[in-house]
PDB file of N, CA and C in Angstrom:
ATOM      1  N   MET A   1     100.478  82.106 114.996  1.00  0.00           N
ATOM      2  CA  MET A   1     100.790  81.925 114.004  1.00  0.00           C
ATOM      3  C   MET A   1     101.565  82.990 113.152  1.00  0.00           C
ATOM      4  N   GLY A   2     102.459  83.669 112.186  1.00  0.00           N
ATOM      5  CA  GLY A   2     103.377  84.723 112.231  1.00  0.00           C
ATOM      6  C   GLY A   2     102.475  85.352 111.061  1.00  0.00           C
ATOM      7  N   ARG A   3     103.104  86.747 111.124  1.00  0.00           N
ATOM      8  CA  ARG A   3     102.713  87.685 110.074  1.00  0.00           C
ATOM      9  C   ARG A   3     102.294  87.546 108.605  1.00  0.00           C
ATOM     10  N   LYS A   4     101.289  87.739 107.725  1.00  0.00           N
ATOM     11  CA  LYS A   4     101.360  88.262 106.783  1.00  0.00           C
ATOM     12  C   LYS A   4     102.222  88.816 106.152  1.00  0.00           C
ATOM     13  N   LYS A   5     103.107  88.386 104.807  1.00  0.00           N
ATOM     14  CA  LYS A   5     104.424  89.334 104.229  1.00  0.00           C
ATOM     15  C   LYS A   5     103.821  89.648 103.238  1.00  0.00           C
ATOM     16  N   SER A   6     104.018  90.468 102.286  1.00  0.00           N
ATOM     17  CA  SER A   6     103.506  91.124 100.517  1.00  0.00           C
ATOM     18  C   SER A   6     104.011  89.791  99.839  1.00  0.00           C
ATOM     19  N   GLU A   7     103.910  89.733  99.439  1.00  0.00           N
ATOM     20  CA  GLU A   7     103.890  88.674  98.050  1.00  0.00           C
ATOM     21  C   GLU A   7     105.093  89.581  97.168  1.00  0.00           C
ATOM     22  N   ILE A   8     106.101  88.638  96.804  1.00  0.00           N
ATOM     23  CA  ILE A   8     107.002  89.304  95.562  1.00  0.00           C
ATOM     24  C   ILE A   8     106.565  89.391  94.414  1.00  0.00           C
ATOM     25  N   SER A   9     106.275  90.341  93.889  1.00  0.00           N
ATOM     26  CA  SER A   9     106.360  90.658  92.421  1.00  0.00           C
ATOM     27  C   SER A   9     106.888  89.918  91.250  1.00  0.00           C
ATOM     28  N   ILE A  10     106.031  89.474  90.860  1.00  0.00           N
ATOM     29  CA  ILE A  10     106.233  88.674  89.182  1.00  0.00           C
ATOM     30  C   ILE A  10     107.568  89.693  88.705  1.00  0.00           C
ATOM     31  N   GLY A  11     107.832  90.757  88.697  1.00  0.00           N
ATOM     32  CA  GLY A  11     108.531  91.065  87.958  1.00  0.00           C
ATOM     33  C   GLY A  11     109.987  90.882  88.413  1.00  0.00           C
ATOM     34  N   ILE A  12     110.055  90.741  89.875  1.00  0.00           N
ATOM     35  CA  ILE A  12     111.160  90.559  90.577  1.00  0.00           C
ATOM     36  C   ILE A  12     111.473  89.067  90.746  1.00  0.00           C
ATOM     37  N   ARG A  13     110.519  88.093  90.193  1.00  0.00           N
ATOM     38  CA  ARG A  13     110.830  86.818  90.313  1.00  0.00           C
ATOM     39  C   ARG A  13     111.010  86.661  88.957  1.00  0.00           C
ATOM     40  N   GLU A  14     110.863  87.244  88.120  1.00  0.00           N
ATOM     41  CA  GLU A  14     110.900  86.862  86.637  1.00  0.00           C
ATOM     42  C   GLU A  14     112.993  87.314  86.637  1.00  0.00           C
ATOM     43  N   LEU A  15     113.220  88.268  87.063  1.00  0.00           N
ATOM     44  CA  LEU A  15     114.254  88.699  87.343  1.00  0.00           C
ATOM     45  C   LEU A  15     115.068  87.763  87.535  1.00  0.00           C
ATOM     46  N   ALA A  16     114.615  87.369  89.259  1.00  0.00           N
ATOM     47  CA  ALA A  16     115.370  86.478  90.288  1.00  0.00           C
ATOM     48  C   ALA A  16     116.114  84.959  89.287  1.00  0.00           C
ATOM     49  N   ILE A  17     115.092  84.619  88.538  1.00  0.00           N
ATOM     50  CA  ILE A  17     114.920  83.669  87.144  1.00  0.00           C
ATOM     51  C   ILE A  17     115.770  83.783  86.210  1.00  0.00           C
ATOM     52  N   CYS A  18     115.827  84.900  85.754  1.00  0.00           N
ATOM     53  CA  CYS A  18     117.004  85.473  84.530  1.00  0.00           C
ATOM     54  C   CYS A  18     117.827  85.092  84.987  1.00  0.00           C
ATOM     55  N   HIS A  19     118.475  85.953  86.330  1.00  0.00           N
ATOM     56  CA  HIS A  19     120.055  86.195  86.634  1.00  0.00           C
ATOM     57  C   HIS A  19     120.049  84.707  87.098  1.00  0.00           C
ATOM     58  N   TRP A  20     119.536  83.525  87.675  1.00  0.00           N
ATOM     59  CA  TRP A  20     119.952  81.895  87.723  1.00  0.00           C
ATOM     60  C   TRP A  20     120.156  81.605  86.712  1.00  0.00           C
ATOM     61  N   LYS A  21     119.076  81.513  85.534  1.00  0.00           N
ATOM     62  CA  LYS A  21     119.650  81.188  84.258  1.00  0.00           C
ATOM     63  C   LYS A  21     120.774  81.727  83.824  1.00  0.00           C
ATOM     64  N   ARG A  22     121.518  82.891  83.717  1.00  0.00           N
ATOM     65  CA  ARG A  22     122.325  82.849  83.420  1.00  0.00           C
ATOM     66  C   ARG A  22     123.897  82.606  84.207  1.00  0.00           C
ATOM     67  N   GLY A  23     123.306  82.019  85.014  1.00  0.00           N
ATOM     68  CA  GLY A  23     125.057  80.974  85.667  1.00  0.00           C
ATOM     69  C   GLY A  23     124.797  81.726  87.295  1.00  0.00           C
ATOM     70  N   SER A  24     124.153  82.808  88.020  1.00  0.00           N
ATOM     71  CA  SER A  24     124.692  83.472  89.324  1.00  0.00           C
ATOM     72  C   SER A  24     124.294  82.653  89.756  1.00  0.00           C
ATOM     73  N   SER A  25     124.710  82.486  91.109  1.00  0.00           N
ATOM     74  CA  SER A  25     124.188  81.424  92.776  1.00  0.00           C
ATOM     75  C   SER A  25     123.274  82.066  93.021  1.00  0.00           C
ATOM     76  N   GLU A  26     122.397  81.406  94.076  1.00  0.00           N
ATOM     77  CA  GLU A  26     121.051  81.958  94.469  1.00  0.00           C
ATOM     78  C   GLU A  26     121.669  82.800  95.559  1.00  0.00           C
ATOM     79  N   ARG A  27     123.023  83.290  95.823  1.00  0.00           N
ATOM     80  CA  ARG A  27     123.611  83.931  96.849  1.00  0.00           C
ATOM     81  C   ARG A  27     123.203  85.383  96.247  1.00  0.00           C
ATOM     82  N   LYS A  28     123.965  85.543  95.208  1.00  0.00           N
ATOM     83  CA  LYS A  28     124.366  86.189  94.147  1.00  0.00           C
ATOM     84  C   LYS A  28     122.904  86.863  93.467  1.00  0.00           C
ATOM     85  N   THR A  29     122.229  86.204  93.294  1.00  0.00           N
ATOM     86  CA  THR A  29     120.904  86.590  92.467  1.00  0.00           C
ATOM     87  C   THR A  29     120.022  87.381  93.678  1.00  0.00           C
ATOM     88  N   SER A  30     120.323  86.822  95.388  1.00  0.00           N
ATOM     89  CA  SER A  30     119.517  87.507  96.053  1.00  0.00           C
ATOM     90  C   SER A  30     120.296  88.973  96.516  1.00  0.00           C
ATOM     91  N   GLU A  31     121.188  88.873  96.268  1.00  0.00           N
ATOM     92  CA  GLU A  31     122.060  90.178  96.585  1.00  0.00           C
ATOM     93  C   GLU A  31     121.712  91.221  95.307  1.00  0.00           C
ATOM     94  N   ILE A  32     121.658  90.947  93.994  1.00  0.00           N
ATOM     95  CA  ILE A  32     121.231  91.394  92.937  1.00  0.00           C
ATOM     96  C   ILE A  32     119.672  91.944  93.092  1.00  0.00           C
ATOM     97  N   VAL A  33     118.993  91.019  93.488  1.00  0.00           N
ATOM     98  CA  VAL A  33     117.334  91.174  93.398  1.00  0.00           C
ATOM     99  C   VAL A  33     116.743  91.673  94.821  1.00  0.00           C
ATOM    100  N   ASN A  34     117.717  91.813  95.339  1.00  0.00           N
ATOM    101  CA  ASN A  34     117.624  92.248  97.209  1.00  0.00           C
ATOM    102  C   ASN A  34     116.309  91.757  97.882  1.00  0.00           C
ATOM    103  N   VAL A  35     116.526  90.861  97.909  1.00  0.00           N
ATOM    104  CA  VAL A  35     115.307  89.294  98.546  1.00  0.00           C
ATOM    105  C   VAL A  35     116.214  88.567  98.945  1.00  0.00           C
ATOM    106  N   SER A  36     115.869  87.947  99.900  1.00  0.00           N
ATOM    107  CA  SER A  36     116.637  87.058 100.966  1.00  0.00           C
ATOM    108  C   SER A  36     116.799  85.455 100.080  1.00  0.00           C
ATOM    109  N   LYS A  37     117.740  84.876 100.417  1.00  0.00           N
ATOM    110  CA  LYS A  37     118.265  83.755  99.682  1.00  0.00           C
ATOM    111  C   LYS A  37     117.105  83.111  99.598  1.00  0.00           C
ATOM    112  N   SER A  38     116.393  82.691 101.295  1.00  0.00           N
ATOM    113  CA  SER A  38     115.632  81.445 101.082  1.00  0.00           C
ATOM    114  C   SER A  38     114.201  81.913 100.476  1.00  0.00           C
ATOM    115  N   ASN A  39     114.023  83.338 100.059  1.00  0.00           N
ATOM    116  CA  ASN A  39     113.055  83.621  98.795  1.00  0.00           C
ATOM    117  C   ASN A  39     113.679  82.964  97.831  1.00  0.00           C
ATOM    118  N   VAL A  40     114.673  83.587  97.135  1.00  0.00           N
ATOM    119  CA  VAL A  40     115.166  82.957  95.882  1.00  0.00           C
ATOM    120  C   VAL A  40     115.087  81.646  95.668  1.00  0.00           C
ATOM    121  N   HIS A  41     115.519  80.994  96.500  1.00  0.00           N
ATOM    122  CA  HIS A  41     115.599  79.033  96.814  1.00  0.00           C
ATOM    123  C   HIS A  41     114.170  79.176  96.388  1.00  0.00           C
ATOM    124  N   ASN A  42     113.511  79.485  96.982  1.00  0.00           N
ATOM    125  CA  ASN A  42     111.666  78.962  96.709  1.00  0.00           C
ATOM    126  C   ASN A  42     111.105  79.352  95.650  1.00  0.00           C
ATOM    127  N   ILE A  43     111.618  80.215  94.994  1.00  0.00           N
ATOM    128  CA  ILE A  43     111.259  80.947  93.471  1.00  0.00           C
ATOM    129  C   ILE A  43     111.838  79.824  92.842  1.00  0.00           C
ATOM    130  N   ILE A  44     113.404  79.721  92.731  1.00  0.00           N
ATOM    131  CA  ILE A  44     113.738  78.657  91.636  1.00  0.00           C
ATOM    132  C   ILE A  44     113.238  77.690  91.756  1.00  0.00           C
ATOM    133  N   SER A  45     113.020  76.862  92.922  1.00  0.00           N
ATOM    134  CA  SER A  45     112.310  75.661  93.020  1.00  0.00           C
ATOM    135  C   SER A  45     110.692  75.059  92.674  1.00  0.00           C
ATOM    136  N   LYS A  46     110.285  76.508  92.740  1.00  0.00           N
ATOM    137  CA  LYS A  46     108.898  76.493  91.905  1.00  0.00           C
ATOM    138  C   LYS A  46     109.064  76.251  90.577  1.00  0.00           C
ATOM    139  N   TYR A  47     109.935  77.171  90.067  1.00  0.00           N
ATOM    140  CA  TYR A  47     110.033  77.257  88.278  1.00  0.00           C
ATOM    141  C   TYR A  47     110.147  76.399  87.704  1.00  0.00           C
ATOM    142  N   LYS A  48     111.113  75.395  88.731  1.00  0.00           N
ATOM    143  CA  LYS A  48     111.792  74.182  88.206  1.00  0.00           C
ATOM    144  C   LYS A  48     110.592  73.541  87.777  1.00  0.00           C
ATOM    145  N   LYS A  49     109.660  73.494  88.937  1.00  0.00           N
ATOM    146  CA  LYS A  49     108.627  72.485  89.155  1.00  0.00           C
ATOM    147  C   LYS A  49     107.396  72.516  87.780  1.00  0.00           C
ATOM    148  N   THR A  50     107.222  74.385  87.998  1.00  0.00           N
ATOM    149  CA  THR A  50     105.552  74.567  87.584  1.00  0.00           C
ATOM    150  C   THR A  50     106.459  74.933  85.948  1.00  0.00           C
ATOM    151  N   LYS A  51     107.386  75.785  85.625  1.00  0.00           N
ATOM    152  CA  LYS A  51     108.216  76.551  84.682  1.00  0.00           C
ATOM    153  C   LYS A  51     107.411  77.988  84.322  1.00  0.00           C
ATOM    154  N   SER A  52     107.291  78.372  85.938  1.00  0.00           N
ATOM    155  CA  SER A  52     106.324  79.555  85.465  1.00  0.00           C
ATOM    156  C   SER A  52     106.283  79.976  87.193  1.00  0.00           C
ATOM    157  N   VAL A  53     106.730  81.396  87.349  1.00  0.00           N
ATOM    158  CA  VAL A  53     106.721  82.077  87.960  1.00  0.00           C
ATOM    159  C   VAL A  53     105.302  82.894  88.796  1.00  0.00           C
ATOM    160  N   LYS A  54     104.560  82.599  87.929  1.00  0.00           N
ATOM    161  CA  LYS A  54     102.660  83.001  88.384  1.00  0.00           C
ATOM    162  C   LYS A  54     102.249  82.355  89.497  1.00  0.00           C
ATOM    163  N   ASN A  55     101.699  82.885  90.329  1.00  0.00           N
ATOM    164  CA  ASN A  55     100.940  82.297  91.357  1.00  0.00           C
ATOM    165  C   ASN A  55      99.954  81.404  90.528  1.00  0.00           C
ATOM    166  N   ARG A  56      99.832  80.546  91.596  1.00  0.00           N
ATOM    167  CA  ARG A  56      98.591  79.353  90.961  1.00  0.00           C
ATOM    168  C   ARG A  56      97.312  79.852  91.736  1.00  0.00           C
ATOM    169  N   PRO A  57      95.998  79.816  90.979  1.00  0.00           N
ATOM    170  CA  PRO A  57      94.906  79.921  92.039  1.00  0.00           C
ATOM    171  C   PRO A  57      94.684  79.231  93.025  1.00  0.00           C
ATOM    172  N   ARG A  58      94.452  80.075  94.208  1.00  0.00           N
ATOM    173  CA  ARG A  58      94.190  79.301  95.403  1.00  0.00           C
ATOM    174  C   ARG A  58      92.769  79.304  95.586  1.00  0.00           C
ATOM    175  N   ILE A  59      92.675  78.276  96.699  1.00  0.00           N
ATOM    176  CA  ILE A  59      91.624  77.451  97.228  1.00  0.00           C
ATOM    177  C   ILE A  59      90.826  78.147  98.250  1.00  0.00           C
ATOM    178  N   GLY A  60      89.617  77.834  98.079  1.00  0.00           N
ATOM    179  CA  GLY A  60      88.784  78.292  99.648  1.00  0.00           C
ATOM    180  C   GLY A  60      87.052  78.113  99.283  1.00  0.00           C
ATOM    181  N   ARG A  61      86.845  78.002  99.992  1.00  0.00           N
ATOM    182  CA  ARG A  61      85.451  78.307  99.642  1.00  0.00           C
ATOM    183  C   ARG A  61      84.504  78.996  99.246  1.00  0.00           C
ATOM    184  N   PRO A  62      83.226  78.298  98.026  1.00  0.00           N
ATOM    185  CA  PRO A  62      82.832  79.617  97.476  1.00  0.00           C
ATOM    186  C   PRO A  62      81.840  80.483  98.095  1.00  0.00           C
ATOM    187  N   ARG A  63      81.985  81.655  97.889  1.00  0.00           N
ATOM    188  CA  ARG A  63      81.161  82.825  98.403  1.00  0.00           C
ATOM    189  C   ARG A  63      79.551  82.034  98.479  1.00  0.00           C
ATOM    190  N   ARG A  64      78.607  82.077  99.623  1.00  0.00           N
ATOM    191  CA  ARG A  64      77.515  82.050  99.348  1.00  0.00           C
ATOM    192  C   ARG A  64      76.330  82.913  98.728  1.00  0.00           C
ATOM    193  N   PHE A  65      76.951  84.013  99.152  1.00  0.00           N
ATOM    194  CA  PHE A  65      76.136  85.265  98.235  1.00  0.00           C
ATOM    195  C   PHE A  65      77.465  86.432  97.994  1.00  0.00           C
ATOM    196  N   THR A  66      77.014  87.163  96.014  1.00  0.00           N
ATOM    197  CA  THR A  66      77.401  87.930  95.987  1.00  0.00           C
ATOM    198  C   THR A  66      77.909  89.370  96.221  1.00  0.00           C
ATOM    199  N   GLU A  67      78.442  90.001  95.891  1.00  0.00           N
ATOM    200  CA  GLU A  67      78.824  91.639  96.269  1.00  0.00           C
ATOM    201  C   GLU A  67      77.151  91.890  96.529  1.00  0.00           C
ATOM    202  N   ARG A  68      76.455  91.696  95.184  1.00  0.00           N
ATOM    203  CA  ARG A  68      75.248  92.390  95.045  1.00  0.00           C
ATOM    204  C   ARG A  68      74.305  92.329  96.008  1.00  0.00           C
ATOM    205  N   GLU A  69      74.301  90.609  96.062  1.00  0.00           N
ATOM    206  CA  GLU A  69      73.458  90.392  97.182  1.00  0.00           C
ATOM    207  C   GLU A  69      73.757  90.344  98.697  1.00  0.00           C
ATOM    208  N   GLU A  70      75.012  90.494  98.962  1.00  0.00           N
ATOM    209  CA  GLU A  70      74.587  91.437 100.076  1.00  0.00           C
ATOM    210  C   GLU A  70      74.872  92.838 100.657  1.00  0.00           C
ATOM    211  N   ARG A  71      75.075  93.614  99.187  1.00  0.00           N
ATOM    212  CA  ARG A  71      74.180  94.956  98.993  1.00  0.00           C
ATOM    213  C   ARG A  71      72.863  94.975  99.545  1.00  0.00           C
ATOM    214  N   TRP A  72      71.808  93.695  98.819  1.00  0.00           N
ATOM    215  CA  TRP A  72      70.590  94.023  98.700  1.00  0.00           C
ATOM    216  C   TRP A  72      69.940  93.716 100.301  1.00  0.00           C
ATOM    217  N   ILE A  73      70.996  92.575 101.585  1.00  0.00           N
ATOM    218  CA  ILE A  73      70.586  92.047 102.822  1.00  0.00           C
ATOM    219  C   ILE A  73      70.744  93.969 103.527  1.00  0.00           C
ATOM    220  N   VAL A  74      72.123  94.301 103.200  1.00  0.00           N
ATOM    221  CA  VAL A  74      72.190  95.524 104.005  1.00  0.00           C
ATOM    222  C   VAL A  74      71.372  96.554 104.439  1.00  0.00           C
ATOM    223  N   ARG A  75      70.914  96.570 102.757  1.00  0.00           N
ATOM    224  CA  ARG A  75      69.488  97.773 102.307  1.00  0.00           C
ATOM    225  C   ARG A  75      68.542  96.854 103.312  1.00  0.00           C
ATOM    226  N   LYS A  76      68.441  96.333 103.132  1.00  0.00           N
ATOM    227  CA  LYS A  76      66.907  95.556 104.013  1.00  0.00           C
ATOM    228  C   LYS A  76      67.646  95.987 105.929  1.00  0.00           C
ATOM    229  N   VAL A  77      68.474  95.948 105.767  1.00  0.00           N
ATOM    230  CA  VAL A  77      68.626  96.467 107.675  1.00  0.00           C
ATOM    231  C   VAL A  77      68.696  97.957 107.611  1.00  0.00           C
ATOM    232  N   ILE A  78      69.115  98.780 106.680  1.00  0.00           N
ATOM    233  CA  ILE A  78      69.244 100.090 107.006  1.00  0.00           C
ATOM    234  C   ILE A  78      67.580 100.440 106.940  1.00  0.00           C
ATOM    235  N   CYS A  79      67.089  99.897 106.180  1.00  0.00           N
ATOM    236  CA  CYS A  79      65.447 100.028 106.022  1.00  0.00           C
ATOM    237  C   CYS A  79      65.044 100.156 107.521  1.00  0.00           C
ATOM    238  N   ASN A  80      65.062  98.688 107.514  1.00  0.00           N
ATOM    239  CA  ASN A  80      64.147  98.293 109.024  1.00  0.00           C
ATOM    240  C   ASN A  80      65.651  97.658 110.171  1.00  0.00           C
ATOM    241  N   PRO A  81      65.994  98.512 111.216  1.00  0.00           N
ATOM    242  CA  PRO A  81      67.080  98.122 111.700  1.00  0.00           C
ATOM    243  C   PRO A  81      67.103  97.177 112.459  1.00  0.00           C
ATOM    244  N   LYS A  82      65.976  96.579 112.790  1.00  0.00           N
ATOM    245  CA  LYS A  82      65.007  95.638 114.021  1.00  0.00           C
ATOM    246  C   LYS A  82      64.896  94.637 113.727  1.00  0.00           C
ATOM    247  N   THR A  83      64.999  94.557 111.932  1.00  0.00           N
ATOM    248  CA  THR A  83      64.633  92.635 111.158  1.00  0.00           C
ATOM    249  C   THR A  83      66.014  91.920 112.114  1.00  0.00           C
ATOM    250  N   SER A  84      65.616  90.693 112.440  1.00  0.00           N
ATOM    251  CA  SER A  84      66.644  89.937 113.075  1.00  0.00           C
ATOM    252  C   SER A  84      67.097  89.388 111.673  1.00  0.00           C
ATOM    253  N   ALA A  85      68.228  88.700 111.915  1.00  0.00           N
ATOM    254  CA  ALA A  85      68.890  87.416 111.202  1.00  0.00           C
ATOM    255  C   ALA A  85      68.120  86.486 110.881  1.00  0.00           C
ATOM    256  N   VAL A  86      66.959  85.846 111.349  1.00  0.00           N
ATOM    257  CA  VAL A  86      66.663  84.619 110.698  1.00  0.00           C
ATOM    258  C   VAL A  86      65.689  85.119 109.886  1.00  0.00           C
ATOM    259  N   LYS A  87      65.426  86.191 110.174  1.00  0.00           N
ATOM    260  CA  LYS A  87      64.042  86.795 108.964  1.00  0.00           C
ATOM    261  C   LYS A  87      64.789  87.319 107.768  1.00  0.00           C
ATOM    262  N   LEU A  88      65.667  88.062 107.858  1.00  0.00           N
ATOM    263  CA  LEU A  88      66.952  88.292 106.647  1.00  0.00           C
ATOM    264  C   LEU A  88      66.957  87.104 106.124  1.00  0.00           C
ATOM    265  N   THR A  89      67.514  86.059 106.335  1.00  0.00           N
ATOM    266  CA  THR A  89      67.974  84.854 105.886  1.00  0.00           C
ATOM    267  C   THR A  89      66.346  83.974 105.171  1.00  0.00           C
ATOM    268  N   LEU A  90      65.310  84.418 105.870  1.00  0.00           N
ATOM    269  CA  LEU A  90      64.102  83.589 105.093  1.00  0.00           C
ATOM    270  C   LEU A  90      63.530  84.365 104.155  1.00  0.00           C
ATOM    271  N   LYS A  91      63.818  85.826 103.695  1.00  0.00           N
ATOM    272  CA  LYS A  91      63.564  86.613 103.112  1.00  0.00           C
ATOM    273  C   LYS A  91      64.589  87.019 101.584  1.00  0.00           C
ATOM    274  N   ALA A  92      66.036  86.039 102.339  1.00  0.00           N
ATOM    275  CA  ALA A  92      67.223  86.259 101.544  1.00  0.00           C
ATOM    276  C   ALA A  92      67.086  85.051 100.513  1.00  0.00           C
ATOM    277  N   GLN A  93      66.151  83.808 100.794  1.00  0.00           N
ATOM    278  CA  GLN A  93      65.864  82.737 100.442  1.00  0.00           C
ATOM    279  C   GLN A  93      65.016  82.444  99.245  1.00  0.00           C
ATOM    280  N   GLN A  94      64.139  83.449  99.777  1.00  0.00           N
ATOM    281  CA  GLN A  94      62.976  83.531  98.579  1.00  0.00           C
ATOM    282  C   GLN A  94      63.389  84.452  98.023  1.00  0.00           C
ATOM    283  N   ARG A  95      63.935  85.636  97.991  1.00  0.00           N
ATOM    284  CA  ARG A  95      64.755  86.111  96.499  1.00  0.00           C
ATOM    285  C   ARG A  95      65.676  86.259  95.694  1.00  0.00           C
ATOM    286  N   PHE A  96      66.528  85.166  96.246  1.00  0.00           N
ATOM    287  CA  PHE A  96      67.661  84.350  95.836  1.00  0.00           C
ATOM    288  C   PHE A  96      67.735  82.974  95.158  1.00  0.00           C
ATOM    289  N   ASN A  97      66.850  82.409  95.999  1.00  0.00           N
ATOM    290  CA  ASN A  97      66.883  81.047  95.699  1.00  0.00           C
ATOM    291  C   ASN A  97      68.004  80.473  96.510  1.00  0.00           C
ATOM    292  N   LYS A  98      68.786  80.562  97.351  1.00  0.00           N
ATOM    293  CA  LYS A  98      69.993  80.160  98.364  1.00  0.00           C
ATOM    294  C   LYS A  98      69.657  80.298  99.728  1.00  0.00           C
ATOM    295  N   SER A  99      70.286  78.558  99.600  1.00  0.00           N
ATOM    296  CA  SER A  99      69.526  78.166 101.698  1.00  0.00           C
ATOM    297  C   SER A  99      70.915  78.719 102.195  1.00  0.00           C
ATOM    298  N   ALA A 100      70.889  79.367 103.194  1.00  0.00           N
ATOM    299  CA  ALA A 100      71.514  79.680 104.294  1.00  0.00           C
ATOM    300  C   ALA A 100      71.984  79.777 105.383  1.00  0.00           C
ATOM    301  N   ASN A 101      72.318  80.285 106.099  1.00  0.00           N
ATOM    302  CA  ASN A 101      72.551  80.125 107.594  1.00  0.00           C
ATOM    303  C   ASN A 101      72.683  81.443 108.448  1.00  0.00           C
ATOM    304  N   PRO A 102      71.560  81.666 109.396  1.00  0.00           N
ATOM    305  CA  PRO A 102      71.678  83.104 109.842  1.00  0.00           C
ATOM    306  C   PRO A 102      73.082  83.525 110.451  1.00  0.00           C
ATOM    307  N   GLU A 103      73.660  82.911 110.894  1.00  0.00           N
ATOM    308  CA  GLU A 103      75.237  83.354 110.883  1.00  0.00           C
ATOM    309  C   GLU A 103      75.412  84.038 109.622  1.00  0.00           C
ATOM    310  N   THR A 104      75.768  83.497 108.291  1.00  0.00           N
ATOM    311  CA  THR A 104      75.842  83.742 107.490  1.00  0.00           C
ATOM    312  C   THR A 104      75.897  85.360 107.132  1.00  0.00           C
ATOM    313  N   VAL A 105      73.874  85.533 107.344  1.00  0.00           N
ATOM    314  CA  VAL A 105      73.857  86.658 107.260  1.00  0.00           C
ATOM    315  C   VAL A 105      74.293  87.869 108.475  1.00  0.00           C
ATOM    316  N   ARG A 106      74.593  87.240 109.440  1.00  0.00           N
ATOM    317  CA  ARG A 106      75.199  87.917 110.440  1.00  0.00           C
ATOM    318  C   ARG A 106      77.118  88.312 110.352  1.00  0.00           C
ATOM    319  N   ASN A 107      77.178  87.475 110.105  1.00  0.00           N
ATOM    320  CA  ASN A 107      78.626  87.304 109.001  1.00  0.00           C
ATOM    321  C   ASN A 107      79.172  88.701 108.355  1.00  0.00           C
ATOM    322  N   ILE A 108      78.018  88.640 107.483  1.00  0.00           N
ATOM    323  CA  ILE A 108      78.260  89.827 106.575  1.00  0.00           C
ATOM    324  C   ILE A 108      77.061  91.078 106.630  1.00  0.00           C
ATOM    325  N   LEU A 109      76.527  91.194 107.448  1.00  0.00           N
ATOM    326  CA  LEU A 109      76.058  92.168 108.644  1.00  0.00           C
ATOM    327  C   LEU A 109      77.299  92.654 109.280  1.00  0.00           C
ATOM    328  N   ARG A 110      78.612  92.102 109.660  1.00  0.00           N
ATOM    329  CA  ARG A 110      79.605  92.386 110.604  1.00  0.00           C
ATOM    330  C   ARG A 110      80.412  92.725 109.955  1.00  0.00           C
ATOM    331  N   LYS A 111      80.662  92.468 108.328  1.00  0.00           N
ATOM    332  CA  LYS A 111      81.562  92.743 107.082  1.00  0.00           C
ATOM    333  C   LYS A 111      81.175  94.619 107.225  1.00  0.00           C
ATOM    334  N   TYR A 112      79.897  95.186 107.130  1.00  0.00           N
ATOM    335  CA  TYR A 112      79.199  95.856 106.937  1.00  0.00           C
ATOM    336  C   TYR A 112      79.218  97.006 107.742  1.00  0.00           C
ATOM    337  N   ASN A 113      80.070  96.771 109.321  1.00  0.00           N
ATOM    338  CA  ASN A 113      80.117  97.382 110.688  1.00  0.00           C
ATOM    339  C   ASN A 113      78.821  97.081 110.992  1.00  0.00           C
ATOM    340  N   PHE A 114      77.564  96.386 110.536  1.00  0.00           N
ATOM    341  CA  PHE A 114      76.293  96.375 111.412  1.00  0.00           C
ATOM    342  C   PHE A 114      76.674  95.203 112.893  1.00  0.00           C
ATOM    343  N   HIS A 115      76.437  95.772 113.851  1.00  0.00           N
ATOM    344  CA  HIS A 115      77.048  94.558 115.241  1.00  0.00           C
ATOM    345  C   HIS A 115      75.589  94.472 115.640  1.00  0.00           C
ATOM    346  N   GLY A 116      74.974  93.673 116.366  1.00  0.00           N
ATOM    347  CA  GLY A 116      73.518  93.177 117.176  1.00  0.00           C
ATOM    348  C   GLY A 116      74.189  93.615 118.848  1.00  0.00           C
ATOM    349  N   ARG A 117      73.155  95.010 119.002  1.00  0.00           N
ATOM    350  CA  ARG A 117      73.346  95.767 120.293  1.00  0.00           C
ATOM    351  C   ARG A 117      72.223  95.666 120.504  1.00  0.00           C
ATOM    352  N   VAL A 118      72.226  95.678 121.925  1.00  0.00           N
ATOM    353  CA  VAL A 118      70.668  95.606 123.036  1.00  0.00           C
ATOM    354  C   VAL A 118      71.339  96.812 123.382  1.00  0.00           C
ATOM    355  N   ALA A 119      70.136  97.866 123.693  1.00  0.00           N
ATOM    356  CA  ALA A 119      70.053  99.235 124.552  1.00  0.00           C
ATOM    357  C   ALA A 119      70.238  98.879 126.216  1.00  0.00           C
ATOM    358  N   ARG A 120      70.875  99.533 126.962  1.00  0.00           N
ATOM    359  CA  ARG A 120      71.265  99.367 128.248  1.00  0.00           C
ATOM    360  C   ARG A 120      69.519  99.851 128.560  1.00  0.00           C
ATOM    361  N   ARG A 121      69.205  99.010 129.030  1.00  0.00           N
ATOM    362  CA  ARG A 121      67.666  99.826 130.588  1.00  0.00           C
ATOM    363  C   ARG A 121      67.850 100.694 131.244  1.00  0.00           C
ATOM    364  N   LYS A 122      67.321 101.868 130.757  1.00  0.00           N
ATOM    365  CA  LYS A 122      67.273 103.472 131.463  1.00  0.00           C
ATOM    366  C   LYS A 122      66.349 103.582 132.118  1.00  0.00           C
ATOM    367  N   PRO A 123      66.104 104.515 133.467  1.00  0.00           N
ATOM    368  CA  PRO A 123      64.786 104.514 134.056  1.00  0.00           C
ATOM    369  C   PRO A 123      64.253 105.849 133.140  1.00  0.00           C
ATOM    370  N   PHE A 124      63.392 105.705 132.932  1.00  0.00           N
ATOM    371  CA  PHE A 124      62.192 106.911 132.446  1.00  0.00           C
ATOM    372  C   PHE A 124      62.579 108.098 133.353  1.00  0.00           C
ATOM    373  N   LEU A 125      62.716 109.466 132.160  1.00  0.00           N
ATOM    374  CA  LEU A 125      62.368 110.841 133.447  1.00  0.00           C
ATOM    375  C   LEU A 125      61.367 111.037 133.759  1.00  0.00           C
ATOM    376  N   LYS A 126      60.632 111.754 134.650  1.00  0.00           N
ATOM    377  CA  LYS A 126      59.776 112.125 135.268  1.00  0.00           C
ATOM    378  C   LYS A 126      59.803 113.811 135.578  1.00  0.00           C
TER     379      LYS A 126
END
């Protein structure tokens, strides 16, 4: 998978459409706007289809927990670091009336830099 490039701003897209409407070619427009010719072509074809240069809403799976609920889970871990993800999930289900998988809670904790680690066994000092 290739690297994700930043989006072209709406202002530049509108400028490209403006030049294209005035009769400039795609190549000339790309030189004026300082964007590649293929990007200008994509902007123009999108404009022809939708009559807009704005971004359409992106799709994706809705979040299980809101930011506030995630912070609540993190606070519970800070209060008691030995709490398991399964127990945290049960507490969250009771508190927010949302069913969730313990892996979801683990993902939330990893997002806030809490990683499950087991301490190395060391001999006792005499």
